[in-house]
Protein backbone atom coordinates (compact mmCIF):
# COMPACT_ATOMS: atom_id res chain seq x y z
CA MET A 1 -24.31 15.11 9.62
CA ASN A 2 -23.00 11.77 8.43
CA GLU A 3 -21.60 9.09 10.75
CA LEU A 4 -18.46 9.95 12.67
CA ILE A 5 -16.04 7.10 13.50
CA PHE A 6 -12.44 6.45 14.42
CA PRO A 7 -10.75 3.54 12.63
CA GLU A 8 -9.80 0.37 14.50
CA HIS A 9 -6.89 -0.45 12.19
CA ILE A 10 -4.26 2.03 10.94
CA ASP A 11 -2.15 1.52 7.82
CA ASN A 12 0.47 3.57 6.00
CA SER A 13 -2.05 5.13 3.61
CA MET A 14 -3.97 6.53 6.57
CA ARG A 15 -0.87 7.76 8.38
CA LYS A 16 0.39 9.36 5.18
CA GLU A 17 -2.81 11.40 4.83
CA LEU A 18 -2.73 12.21 8.54
CA VAL A 19 0.76 13.71 8.50
CA LYS A 20 -0.06 15.56 5.28
CA CYS A 21 -2.96 17.31 7.02
CA GLN A 22 -5.04 16.26 10.05
CA LYS A 23 -8.15 17.71 8.42
CA ILE A 24 -7.77 15.32 5.48
CA ALA A 25 -7.74 12.43 7.97
CA HIS A 26 -10.92 13.85 9.53
CA TRP A 27 -12.83 14.13 6.27
CA LYS A 28 -11.57 10.88 4.81
CA PHE A 29 -11.32 8.46 7.74
CA GLU A 30 -13.58 9.89 10.44
CA ARG A 31 -16.36 10.99 8.08
CA GLY A 32 -15.66 8.51 5.26
CA LEU A 33 -16.01 11.18 2.58
CA THR A 34 -14.62 10.84 -0.93
CA ALA A 35 -15.07 12.66 -4.22
CA GLU A 36 -13.08 10.08 -6.18
CA VAL A 37 -14.94 7.82 -8.60
CA GLY A 38 -11.93 5.62 -9.30
CA ASN A 39 -8.19 6.05 -9.07
CA GLU A 40 -6.49 4.70 -12.19
CA HIS A 41 -3.16 4.21 -10.41
CA LEU A 42 -4.66 2.24 -7.53
CA ILE A 43 -6.86 0.15 -9.82
CA ALA A 44 -4.06 -0.60 -12.29
CA GLY A 45 -1.55 -1.28 -9.51
CA GLY A 46 -4.03 -3.55 -7.73
CA ALA A 47 -4.68 -5.49 -10.92
CA PHE A 48 -0.96 -5.96 -11.53
CA ALA A 49 -0.46 -7.10 -7.92
CA LYS A 50 -3.27 -9.63 -8.30
CA GLY A 51 -1.71 -10.99 -11.47
CA MET A 52 1.66 -11.32 -9.71
CA GLU A 53 0.08 -13.07 -6.73
CA VAL A 54 -1.67 -15.63 -8.94
CA MET A 55 1.49 -16.26 -10.96
CA ARG A 56 3.54 -16.78 -7.82
CA ARG A 57 0.98 -19.20 -6.41
CA TYR A 58 0.87 -21.23 -9.61
CA HIS A 59 4.66 -21.35 -9.80
CA TYR A 60 5.55 -22.02 -6.15
CA GLU A 61 2.47 -24.01 -5.09
CA GLU A 62 1.26 -25.75 -8.27
CA HIS A 63 4.64 -25.87 -10.07
CA THR A 64 3.01 -25.13 -13.42
CA ASP A 65 4.84 -24.34 -16.66
CA PRO A 66 5.69 -20.66 -17.23
CA GLU A 67 3.14 -20.33 -20.05
CA ILE A 68 0.30 -21.62 -17.88
CA THR A 69 1.49 -19.53 -14.95
CA LEU A 70 1.44 -16.35 -17.05
CA ALA A 71 -1.93 -17.14 -18.64
CA ASN A 72 -3.53 -17.54 -15.22
CA GLY A 73 -1.90 -14.35 -14.00
CA ILE A 74 -3.22 -12.35 -16.96
CA THR A 75 -6.72 -13.77 -16.47
CA ALA A 76 -6.62 -12.70 -12.82
CA LEU A 77 -5.32 -9.24 -13.77
CA TYR A 78 -8.21 -8.61 -16.16
CA ALA A 79 -10.73 -9.84 -13.58
CA GLN A 80 -9.27 -7.52 -10.93
CA TYR A 81 -9.14 -4.53 -13.29
CA GLY A 82 -12.83 -5.10 -14.01
CA LYS A 83 -14.92 -2.66 -16.00
CA PHE A 84 -13.05 0.46 -14.92
CA ILE A 85 -12.54 2.90 -17.79
CA PRO A 86 -9.34 4.94 -17.33
CA PRO A 87 -8.89 8.49 -18.67
CA SER A 88 -8.45 8.64 -22.43
CA ASN A 89 -4.77 9.62 -22.14
CA SER A 90 -3.92 6.94 -19.58
CA LEU A 91 -1.18 4.39 -20.22
CA LYS A 92 -2.50 2.15 -17.45
CA THR A 93 -5.24 0.42 -19.41
CA ALA A 94 -6.07 -3.23 -18.72
CA ASP A 95 -4.28 -4.31 -21.91
CA ARG A 96 -1.15 -2.32 -21.10
CA MET A 97 -1.08 -3.73 -17.58
CA ALA A 98 -1.42 -7.26 -18.96
CA GLY A 99 1.49 -6.47 -21.28
CA ALA A 100 3.52 -5.26 -18.30
CA LEU A 101 2.85 -8.53 -16.49
CA ALA A 102 4.04 -10.53 -19.49
CA TYR A 103 7.09 -8.28 -19.82
CA TYR A 104 8.02 -8.76 -16.17
CA ALA A 105 7.49 -12.52 -16.33
CA GLY A 106 9.92 -12.66 -19.25
CA ARG A 107 12.56 -10.44 -17.64
CA ARG A 108 12.34 -11.91 -14.11
CA PRO A 109 11.39 -15.61 -14.43
CA PHE A 110 10.46 -17.07 -11.04
CA ALA A 111 12.61 -20.14 -11.69
CA GLU A 112 15.69 -17.89 -11.84
CA ASP A 113 14.74 -15.46 -9.08
CA GLU A 114 17.16 -15.12 -6.16
CA TYR A 115 14.23 -14.51 -3.80
CA THR A 116 11.94 -17.40 -2.77
CA PRO A 117 8.93 -17.19 -0.45
CA VAL A 118 9.22 -17.87 3.26
CA LYS A 119 6.88 -20.51 4.66
CA LEU A 120 4.66 -19.07 7.40
CA GLY A 121 3.01 -22.04 9.10
CA ASP A 122 1.13 -23.93 6.39
CA GLU A 123 1.19 -21.03 3.95
CA LEU A 124 3.84 -19.55 1.69
CA GLY A 125 4.62 -15.88 2.24
CA ILE A 126 2.76 -14.68 -0.85
CA GLU A 127 0.37 -11.71 -0.53
CA VAL A 128 1.20 -11.31 3.15
CA GLN A 129 -1.03 -9.41 5.56
CA PHE A 130 -0.12 -8.45 9.12
CA ASN A 131 -2.09 -6.77 11.88
CA TYR A 132 -0.59 -6.10 15.32
CA GLY A 133 -1.67 -4.06 18.32
CA ILE A 134 0.24 -0.87 19.12
CA GLY A 135 -0.76 -0.34 22.75
CA ILE A 136 -2.93 2.74 22.16
CA ALA A 137 -6.58 2.64 23.23
CA HIS A 138 -9.30 3.31 20.66
CA PRO A 139 -10.95 6.63 21.64
CA ILE A 140 -14.45 5.15 21.50
CA THR A 141 -14.23 1.42 22.32
CA GLY A 142 -11.12 1.46 24.49
CA LEU A 143 -9.78 -1.58 22.61
CA ASP A 144 -6.19 -1.76 21.42
CA LEU A 145 -5.63 -0.04 18.08
CA SER A 146 -3.58 -1.96 15.53
CA TYR A 147 -1.19 -1.16 12.72
CA CYS A 148 -1.61 -3.31 9.62
CA GLY A 149 -0.29 -3.74 6.11
CA ARG A 150 -0.16 -6.03 3.12
CA PHE A 151 2.81 -6.66 0.85
CA ASP A 152 3.43 -8.92 -2.12
CA MET A 153 5.89 -11.47 -0.73
CA LEU A 154 8.10 -12.30 2.24
CA ALA A 155 11.17 -14.02 0.83
CA TYR A 156 14.55 -15.54 1.60
CA ASP A 157 17.59 -14.45 -0.35
CA LYS A 158 20.41 -16.84 -1.22
CA ASN A 159 22.08 -16.16 2.15
CA GLY A 160 18.99 -17.09 4.14
CA ASP A 161 18.13 -13.50 5.10
CA VAL A 162 14.55 -12.29 4.75
CA TRP A 163 13.25 -9.42 2.62
CA VAL A 164 9.88 -7.82 2.06
CA ILE A 165 9.14 -7.90 -1.68
CA ASP A 166 6.76 -5.37 -3.17
CA GLU A 167 5.91 -4.47 -6.78
CA LYS A 168 5.26 -0.88 -7.82
CA THR A 169 3.96 0.23 -11.20
CA THR A 170 4.87 3.72 -12.32
CA GLY A 171 5.11 5.96 -15.34
CA LYS A 172 8.83 6.66 -15.19
CA LEU A 173 11.86 5.13 -13.54
CA GLY A 174 15.00 7.01 -12.65
CA GLU A 175 17.36 8.04 -9.88
CA ALA A 176 14.72 10.02 -8.00
CA TRP A 177 12.29 7.09 -8.14
CA VAL A 178 14.94 4.76 -6.70
CA HIS A 179 15.99 7.09 -3.87
CA GLN A 180 12.43 7.70 -2.65
CA TRP A 181 12.38 4.28 -0.95
CA ASN A 182 15.35 4.88 1.36
CA LEU A 183 13.23 6.60 4.01
CA ASP A 184 9.82 5.45 2.87
CA SER A 185 7.47 4.83 5.82
CA GLN A 186 5.48 2.16 4.01
CA MET A 187 8.55 -0.06 3.58
CA THR A 188 9.70 0.58 7.15
CA GLY A 189 6.27 -0.41 8.45
CA TYR A 190 6.36 -3.52 6.28
CA CYS A 191 9.70 -4.49 7.85
CA TRP A 192 8.22 -3.95 11.33
CA GLY A 193 5.32 -6.24 10.44
CA ALA A 194 7.65 -8.79 8.83
CA LYS A 195 9.76 -9.01 11.98
CA LYS A 196 6.67 -9.70 14.04
CA LEU A 197 5.47 -12.33 11.59
CA LEU A 198 8.79 -14.19 11.75
CA LEU A 199 8.74 -14.06 15.55
CA GLU A 200 5.17 -15.33 15.60
CA HIS A 201 6.16 -18.33 13.47
CA GLY A 202 9.38 -19.05 15.32
CA ILE A 203 11.68 -18.07 12.44
CA THR A 204 15.02 -16.66 13.54
CA ALA A 205 16.20 -15.23 10.20
CA GLU A 206 16.91 -11.52 10.02
CA VAL A 207 14.73 -9.08 8.07
CA LYS A 208 17.24 -7.08 6.05
CA GLY A 209 14.86 -4.63 4.41
CA ALA A 210 12.61 -4.37 1.38
CA VAL A 211 13.08 -5.06 -2.32
CA ILE A 212 10.95 -2.90 -4.59
CA ASN A 213 10.41 -4.20 -8.10
CA GLY A 214 9.61 -1.17 -10.22
CA ILE A 215 7.75 -1.65 -13.51
CA SER A 216 7.25 1.44 -15.67
CA ILE A 217 4.42 1.63 -18.19
CA LEU A 218 5.77 3.63 -21.12
CA LYS A 219 3.89 4.72 -24.22
CA TYR A 220 5.36 2.07 -26.50
CA ASP A 221 7.42 -0.09 -24.17
CA TYR A 222 8.08 -1.16 -20.58
CA ASP A 223 11.04 -0.91 -18.24
CA HIS A 224 11.92 -2.32 -14.83
CA ILE A 225 14.36 -1.96 -11.97
CA ARG A 226 14.97 -3.84 -8.72
CA CYS A 227 15.71 -1.66 -5.68
CA PRO A 228 16.88 -3.21 -2.39
CA THR A 229 16.54 -0.79 0.53
CA PHE A 230 17.94 -1.74 3.92
CA ARG A 231 16.26 -1.11 7.27
CA GLN A 232 18.28 -1.27 10.47
CA ASP A 233 16.61 -1.90 13.82
CA TRP A 234 17.07 1.69 14.96
CA GLU A 235 15.32 2.97 11.84
CA ILE A 236 12.33 0.72 12.50
CA GLU A 237 12.25 1.79 16.16
CA ARG A 238 12.36 5.46 15.12
CA TRP A 239 9.51 4.92 12.66
CA TYR A 240 7.46 3.12 15.30
CA ALA A 241 7.91 5.88 17.89
CA GLN A 242 6.95 8.51 15.30
CA MET A 243 3.90 6.50 14.23
CA LEU A 244 2.72 6.29 17.86
CA ARG A 245 3.12 10.06 18.27
CA ASP A 246 1.17 10.65 15.05
CA ILE A 247 -1.71 8.40 16.11
CA SER A 248 -1.79 9.83 19.64
CA GLY A 249 -2.03 13.33 18.17
CA TRP A 250 -4.85 12.22 15.89
CA ILE A 251 -6.79 10.80 18.84
CA THR A 252 -6.45 14.10 20.71
CA ALA A 253 -7.75 15.98 17.66
CA PHE A 254 -10.61 13.47 17.30
CA LYS A 255 -11.71 13.81 20.92
CA GLN A 256 -11.70 17.58 20.68
CA GLN A 257 -12.93 17.64 17.06
CA ASP A 258 -10.28 20.24 16.43
CA HIS A 259 -7.97 19.16 13.62
CA ASN A 260 -4.91 21.07 12.46
CA GLN A 261 -5.02 22.34 8.88
CA VAL A 262 -1.86 22.84 6.86
CA LEU A 263 -3.39 25.60 4.71
CA ASP A 264 -0.43 25.35 2.38
CA HIS A 265 1.04 22.79 -0.02
CA ALA A 266 -1.33 19.94 0.95
CA CYS A 267 -4.28 22.01 -0.26
CA ALA A 268 -3.06 21.82 -3.86
CA LEU A 269 -0.23 19.32 -4.06
CA TYR A 270 1.44 19.32 -7.51
CA ASN A 271 -1.14 21.93 -8.59
CA ASN A 272 -3.90 19.40 -7.93
CA PRO A 273 -6.51 20.83 -5.51
CA CYS A 274 -7.29 18.65 -2.50
CA GLN A 275 -10.64 16.91 -2.93
CA PHE A 276 -11.76 18.42 0.40
CA ALA A 277 -10.68 21.99 -0.36
CA LYS A 278 -14.26 23.23 -0.84
CA LEU A 279 -15.21 21.89 2.60
CA CYS A 280 -12.30 23.71 4.24
CA LYS A 281 -13.20 26.87 2.31
CA SER A 282 -16.81 26.79 3.52
CA ALA A 283 -17.94 28.41 6.77
CA ASN A 284 -20.60 25.69 6.99
CA PRO A 285 -19.20 22.51 5.40
CA GLU A 286 -22.07 20.36 6.67
CA ARG A 287 -24.42 21.82 4.09
CA ILE A 288 -22.30 20.69 1.13
CA MET A 289 -21.26 17.24 2.37
CA ASP A 290 -24.02 15.64 0.30
CA SER A 291 -21.89 16.25 -2.77
CA TYR A 292 -19.47 13.56 -1.49
CA THR A 293 -19.82 9.79 -1.42
CA VAL A 294 -19.54 8.11 1.98
CA ARG A 295 -17.18 5.15 1.79
CA PHE A 296 -15.12 4.26 4.85
CA TRP A 297 -11.65 2.84 4.20
CA ASP A 298 -10.93 -0.49 5.89
CA PRO A 299 -7.26 -1.49 5.37
CA MET A 300 -8.03 -5.08 6.37
CA ARG A 301 -10.19 -5.58 3.28
CA ARG A 302 -8.64 -6.22 -0.12
CA ASP A 303 -11.29 -4.28 -2.03
């Protein structure tokens, strides 16, 4: 049997898997099992985010010319993408992602952007990470568990209100893509973290919500859309209460080592079998765990 742990820090990716199926959370975050060798969407999205971060830092901190800013961003994107080889039919190659970065820089020049980064202490609010306790004891250490997250920018609008800014790369934009953010837990959690960050730094501005910059990678072109989504205080409070219930339920399942299984849509979402389906199908999953790689997810690490 491989090592069994319970995470010290919880993020939206973990909660999302948890509410999909407690057993997924067991295999993935308590056992650290994975059958994935590389997720093209995560790798491409991470590379694009790195390129955006570097461009923002060169523009807002170094005040470089747009050409130099973009060149440094593209260099950072390629370095972050690394030697990963995507599937042969993938549109999210390193070159296509670099093209998307150049496209976005041309369509949304920083010098003309209505959103500018908030200053948090001595740092600008670019590539912002938060990590705050939630008042629930870790089931092993007894220490306070925390909820954490990382988003691309915390910014003022022209009225002095604050927004979480986050870039998302996708294959297709449309009405359904836009509407998905209205109740999205990731963005609500980001707003919760942003409010705490402002309070910590003595900033009295109001967090209005999140702005999602969507960039679609098409076969022969690119497209983009900017989606503001508001979050009222009661929505954030509702999310927080739900998140605490979810984590408390997970701890109970962990202590008893008795995790609920959906045994339905989560087992083959979008006709794609869950990577842990063969473990759940086995009467003795311990004997086939060696076919998985052990790699524990730490949301506080960038890699």
